Amino acid sequence: MSEKIRFALIGAGWRAMYYVRIAKALPDYFELCMILCTSEEKAKHLEDTLHIPASASEEDLESAKPDFIVIAAAKNINCSLSIR
């Protein structure tokens, strides 16, 4: 494989953890470059436990330059997150 697929996550709950496990299980194929969280405290906790960059800043998410973004948040807010 020539390049890893770089992706980011919006969300840090149980839905998002499925994608974290996929990225960790297939590191030759996927690079999880950023997790966007609702707070800096949660982002810090994820960085410390998962060793994946995380932030509450949309600017940090953009600067990570993912190939695509997975929205793994509650279904009642998916639409509003997608429109941003």
N, C-alpha and C. Protein backbone atom coordinates (compact mmCIF):
# COMPACT_ATOMS: atom_id res chain seq x y z
N MET A 1 0.84 -1.18 0.00
CA MET A 1 0.00 0.00 0.00
C MET A 1 0.88 1.23 0.00
N SER A 2 0.53 2.21 -0.81
CA SER A 2 1.39 3.38 -0.95
C SER A 2 1.25 4.38 0.19
N GLU A 3 0.04 4.75 0.55
CA GLU A 3 -0.16 5.73 1.62
C GLU A 3 -1.29 5.29 2.54
N LYS A 4 -1.15 5.69 3.78
CA LYS A 4 -2.24 5.45 4.73
C LYS A 4 -3.38 6.42 4.44
N ILE A 5 -4.57 6.00 4.78
CA ILE A 5 -5.73 6.87 4.69
C ILE A 5 -5.81 7.63 6.01
N ARG A 6 -5.72 8.95 5.90
CA ARG A 6 -5.76 9.81 7.08
C ARG A 6 -7.20 10.27 7.31
N PHE A 7 -7.71 10.02 8.52
CA PHE A 7 -9.05 10.49 8.81
C PHE A 7 -9.13 11.08 10.20
N ALA A 8 -10.17 11.86 10.40
CA ALA A 8 -10.41 12.48 11.70
C ALA A 8 -11.81 12.09 12.16
N LEU A 9 -12.01 12.20 13.45
CA LEU A 9 -13.31 11.90 14.05
C LEU A 9 -13.89 13.14 14.70
N ILE A 10 -15.18 13.33 14.54
CA ILE A 10 -15.91 14.29 15.36
C ILE A 10 -16.75 13.44 16.30
N GLY A 11 -16.46 13.57 17.58
CA GLY A 11 -17.13 12.77 18.59
C GLY A 11 -16.12 11.92 19.34
N ALA A 12 -16.45 11.62 20.58
CA ALA A 12 -15.52 10.87 21.40
C ALA A 12 -16.23 9.85 22.28
N GLY A 13 -17.44 9.50 21.92
CA GLY A 13 -18.20 8.53 22.69
C GLY A 13 -18.05 7.13 22.15
N TRP A 14 -19.02 6.28 22.45
CA TRP A 14 -18.91 4.87 22.08
C TRP A 14 -18.89 4.68 20.57
N ARG A 15 -19.61 5.53 19.81
CA ARG A 15 -19.59 5.41 18.35
C ARG A 15 -18.17 5.64 17.82
N ALA A 16 -17.55 6.67 18.32
CA ALA A 16 -16.20 7.03 17.87
C ALA A 16 -15.19 5.94 18.20
N MET A 17 -15.38 5.26 19.33
CA MET A 17 -14.41 4.26 19.74
C MET A 17 -14.35 3.07 18.77
N TYR A 18 -15.41 2.82 18.02
CA TYR A 18 -15.36 1.79 16.98
C TYR A 18 -14.30 2.16 15.94
N TYR A 19 -14.28 3.42 15.54
CA TYR A 19 -13.32 3.88 14.54
C TYR A 19 -11.90 3.92 15.10
N VAL A 20 -11.77 4.24 16.37
CA VAL A 20 -10.45 4.21 17.01
C VAL A 20 -9.91 2.78 16.98
N ARG A 21 -10.75 1.81 17.30
CA ARG A 21 -10.30 0.41 17.29
C ARG A 21 -9.91 -0.04 15.89
N ILE A 22 -10.65 0.38 14.88
CA ILE A 22 -10.30 0.04 13.49
C ILE A 22 -8.94 0.61 13.14
N ALA A 23 -8.72 1.87 13.45
CA ALA A 23 -7.44 2.51 13.13
C ALA A 23 -6.28 1.83 13.86
N LYS A 24 -6.49 1.47 15.11
CA LYS A 24 -5.43 0.81 15.87
C LYS A 24 -5.19 -0.63 15.38
N ALA A 25 -6.23 -1.29 14.90
CA ALA A 25 -6.09 -2.67 14.41
C ALA A 25 -5.44 -2.73 13.03
N LEU A 26 -5.57 -1.67 12.26
CA LEU A 26 -5.06 -1.65 10.88
C LEU A 26 -4.15 -0.44 10.65
N PRO A 27 -3.05 -0.32 11.40
CA PRO A 27 -2.21 0.87 11.30
C PRO A 27 -1.50 1.02 9.96
N ASP A 28 -1.39 -0.05 9.19
CA ASP A 28 -0.77 0.07 7.87
C ASP A 28 -1.71 0.73 6.86
N TYR A 29 -2.99 0.76 7.18
CA TYR A 29 -3.99 1.29 6.26
C TYR A 29 -4.58 2.63 6.69
N PHE A 30 -4.74 2.82 8.01
CA PHE A 30 -5.42 4.00 8.51
C PHE A 30 -4.58 4.77 9.51
N GLU A 31 -4.67 6.09 9.44
CA GLU A 31 -4.07 6.97 10.44
C GLU A 31 -5.16 7.89 10.96
N LEU A 32 -5.50 7.73 12.21
CA LEU A 32 -6.46 8.62 12.85
C LEU A 32 -5.69 9.85 13.30
N CYS A 33 -5.84 10.94 12.57
CA CYS A 33 -4.98 12.10 12.79
C CYS A 33 -5.54 13.11 13.79
N MET A 34 -6.83 13.01 14.14
CA MET A 34 -7.40 13.97 15.10
C MET A 34 -8.77 13.50 15.54
N ILE A 35 -9.07 13.76 16.81
CA ILE A 35 -10.41 13.56 17.34
C ILE A 35 -10.89 14.92 17.84
N LEU A 36 -12.03 15.37 17.35
CA LEU A 36 -12.62 16.63 17.81
C LEU A 36 -13.61 16.32 18.92
N CYS A 37 -13.37 16.93 20.08
CA CYS A 37 -14.17 16.68 21.28
C CYS A 37 -14.95 17.93 21.65
N THR A 38 -15.83 17.78 22.62
CA THR A 38 -16.62 18.91 23.08
C THR A 38 -15.89 19.78 24.09
N SER A 39 -14.82 19.27 24.69
CA SER A 39 -14.07 20.05 25.67
C SER A 39 -12.59 19.70 25.61
N GLU A 40 -11.78 20.65 26.05
CA GLU A 40 -10.33 20.41 26.09
C GLU A 40 -9.99 19.35 27.15
N GLU A 41 -10.78 19.27 28.21
CA GLU A 41 -10.53 18.25 29.24
C GLU A 41 -10.70 16.85 28.65
N LYS A 42 -11.77 16.66 27.89
CA LYS A 42 -11.99 15.36 27.27
C LYS A 42 -10.90 15.07 26.24
N ALA A 43 -10.50 16.09 25.49
CA ALA A 43 -9.43 15.92 24.50
C ALA A 43 -8.14 15.49 25.18
N LYS A 44 -7.80 16.13 26.28
CA LYS A 44 -6.57 15.78 27.02
C LYS A 44 -6.64 14.34 27.52
N HIS A 45 -7.80 13.96 28.03
CA HIS A 45 -7.98 12.58 28.51
C HIS A 45 -7.77 11.57 27.37
N LEU A 46 -8.35 11.86 26.19
CA LEU A 46 -8.19 10.95 25.05
C LEU A 46 -6.74 10.87 24.59
N GLU A 47 -6.09 12.02 24.53
CA GLU A 47 -4.67 12.00 24.14
C GLU A 47 -3.85 11.16 25.10
N ASP A 48 -4.12 11.31 26.39
CA ASP A 48 -3.36 10.57 27.40
C ASP A 48 -3.64 9.06 27.36
N THR A 49 -4.88 8.68 27.10
CA THR A 49 -5.23 7.26 27.15
C THR A 49 -5.09 6.56 25.80
N LEU A 50 -5.41 7.25 24.71
CA LEU A 50 -5.38 6.61 23.39
C LEU A 50 -4.13 6.92 22.58
N HIS A 51 -3.41 7.97 22.98
CA HIS A 51 -2.21 8.41 22.26
C HIS A 51 -2.54 8.82 20.83
N ILE A 52 -3.65 9.54 20.70
CA ILE A 52 -4.11 10.08 19.42
C ILE A 52 -4.35 11.57 19.63
N PRO A 53 -3.93 12.43 18.70
CA PRO A 53 -4.18 13.86 18.86
C PRO A 53 -5.69 14.13 19.00
N ALA A 54 -6.03 15.00 19.93
CA ALA A 54 -7.43 15.36 20.16
C ALA A 54 -7.49 16.83 20.56
N SER A 55 -8.61 17.45 20.24
CA SER A 55 -8.77 18.87 20.53
C SER A 55 -10.25 19.22 20.55
N ALA A 56 -10.57 20.37 21.11
CA ALA A 56 -11.92 20.91 21.05
C ALA A 56 -11.99 22.03 20.02
N SER A 57 -10.93 22.24 19.29
CA SER A 57 -10.83 23.34 18.33
C SER A 57 -11.04 22.87 16.89
N GLU A 58 -11.99 23.48 16.20
CA GLU A 58 -12.20 23.14 14.79
C GLU A 58 -10.98 23.52 13.95
N GLU A 59 -10.27 24.55 14.35
CA GLU A 59 -9.05 24.95 13.63
C GLU A 59 -7.98 23.86 13.70
N ASP A 60 -7.86 23.21 14.85
CA ASP A 60 -6.92 22.10 14.99
C ASP A 60 -7.32 20.95 14.08
N LEU A 61 -8.62 20.70 13.99
CA LEU A 61 -9.10 19.65 13.10
C LEU A 61 -8.74 19.95 11.66
N GLU A 62 -8.97 21.17 11.22
CA GLU A 62 -8.64 21.57 9.84
C GLU A 62 -7.14 21.48 9.59
N SER A 63 -6.34 21.89 10.55
CA SER A 63 -4.89 21.89 10.35
C SER A 63 -4.31 20.47 10.30
N ALA A 64 -5.04 19.48 10.80
CA ALA A 64 -4.59 18.08 10.73
C ALA A 64 -4.67 17.56 9.29
N LYS A 65 -5.44 18.21 8.44
CA LYS A 65 -5.57 17.87 7.02
C LYS A 65 -5.94 16.41 6.77
N PRO A 66 -7.06 15.96 7.36
CA PRO A 66 -7.48 14.58 7.11
C PRO A 66 -8.00 14.42 5.68
N ASP A 67 -7.95 13.20 5.17
CA ASP A 67 -8.53 12.91 3.86
C ASP A 67 -10.05 12.97 3.94
N PHE A 68 -10.60 12.58 5.07
CA PHE A 68 -12.04 12.69 5.30
C PHE A 68 -12.29 12.73 6.80
N ILE A 69 -13.54 13.09 7.15
CA ILE A 69 -13.93 13.21 8.55
C ILE A 69 -15.14 12.30 8.79
N VAL A 70 -15.08 11.53 9.86
CA VAL A 70 -16.19 10.69 10.26
C VAL A 70 -16.91 11.39 11.41
N ILE A 71 -18.21 11.58 11.25
CA ILE A 71 -19.00 12.14 12.34
C ILE A 71 -19.57 10.97 13.13
N ALA A 72 -19.08 10.83 14.34
CA ALA A 72 -19.49 9.72 15.20
C ALA A 72 -20.10 10.29 16.47
N ALA A 73 -21.13 11.10 16.26
CA ALA A 73 -21.80 11.76 17.37
C ALA A 73 -23.25 11.28 17.43
N ALA A 74 -23.94 11.71 18.44
CA ALA A 74 -25.34 11.32 18.60
C ALA A 74 -26.15 11.72 17.37
N LYS A 75 -27.10 10.90 16.99
CA LYS A 75 -27.83 11.13 15.74
C LYS A 75 -28.61 12.43 15.74
N ASN A 76 -28.98 12.96 16.88
CA ASN A 76 -29.73 14.21 16.89
C ASN A 76 -28.88 15.44 16.59
N ILE A 77 -27.55 15.30 16.57
CA ILE A 77 -26.71 16.44 16.21
C ILE A 77 -25.89 16.20 14.94
N ASN A 78 -26.00 15.04 14.34
CA ASN A 78 -25.23 14.74 13.12
C ASN A 78 -25.45 15.75 12.02
N CYS A 79 -26.69 16.12 11.77
CA CYS A 79 -27.00 17.03 10.68
C CYS A 79 -26.34 18.39 10.90
N SER A 80 -26.46 18.94 12.09
CA SER A 80 -25.86 20.25 12.36
C SER A 80 -24.35 20.21 12.25
N LEU A 81 -23.73 19.11 12.63
CA LEU A 81 -22.28 18.98 12.48
C LEU A 81 -21.87 18.87 11.02
N SER A 82 -22.67 18.19 10.22
CA SER A 82 -22.36 18.00 8.81
C SER A 82 -22.40 19.30 8.03
N ILE A 83 -23.29 20.19 8.41
CA ILE A 83 -23.48 21.44 7.68
C ILE A 83 -22.32 22.39 7.89
N ARG A 84 -21.65 22.34 8.99
CA ARG A 84 -20.52 23.24 9.26
C ARG A 84 -19.54 23.10 8.20
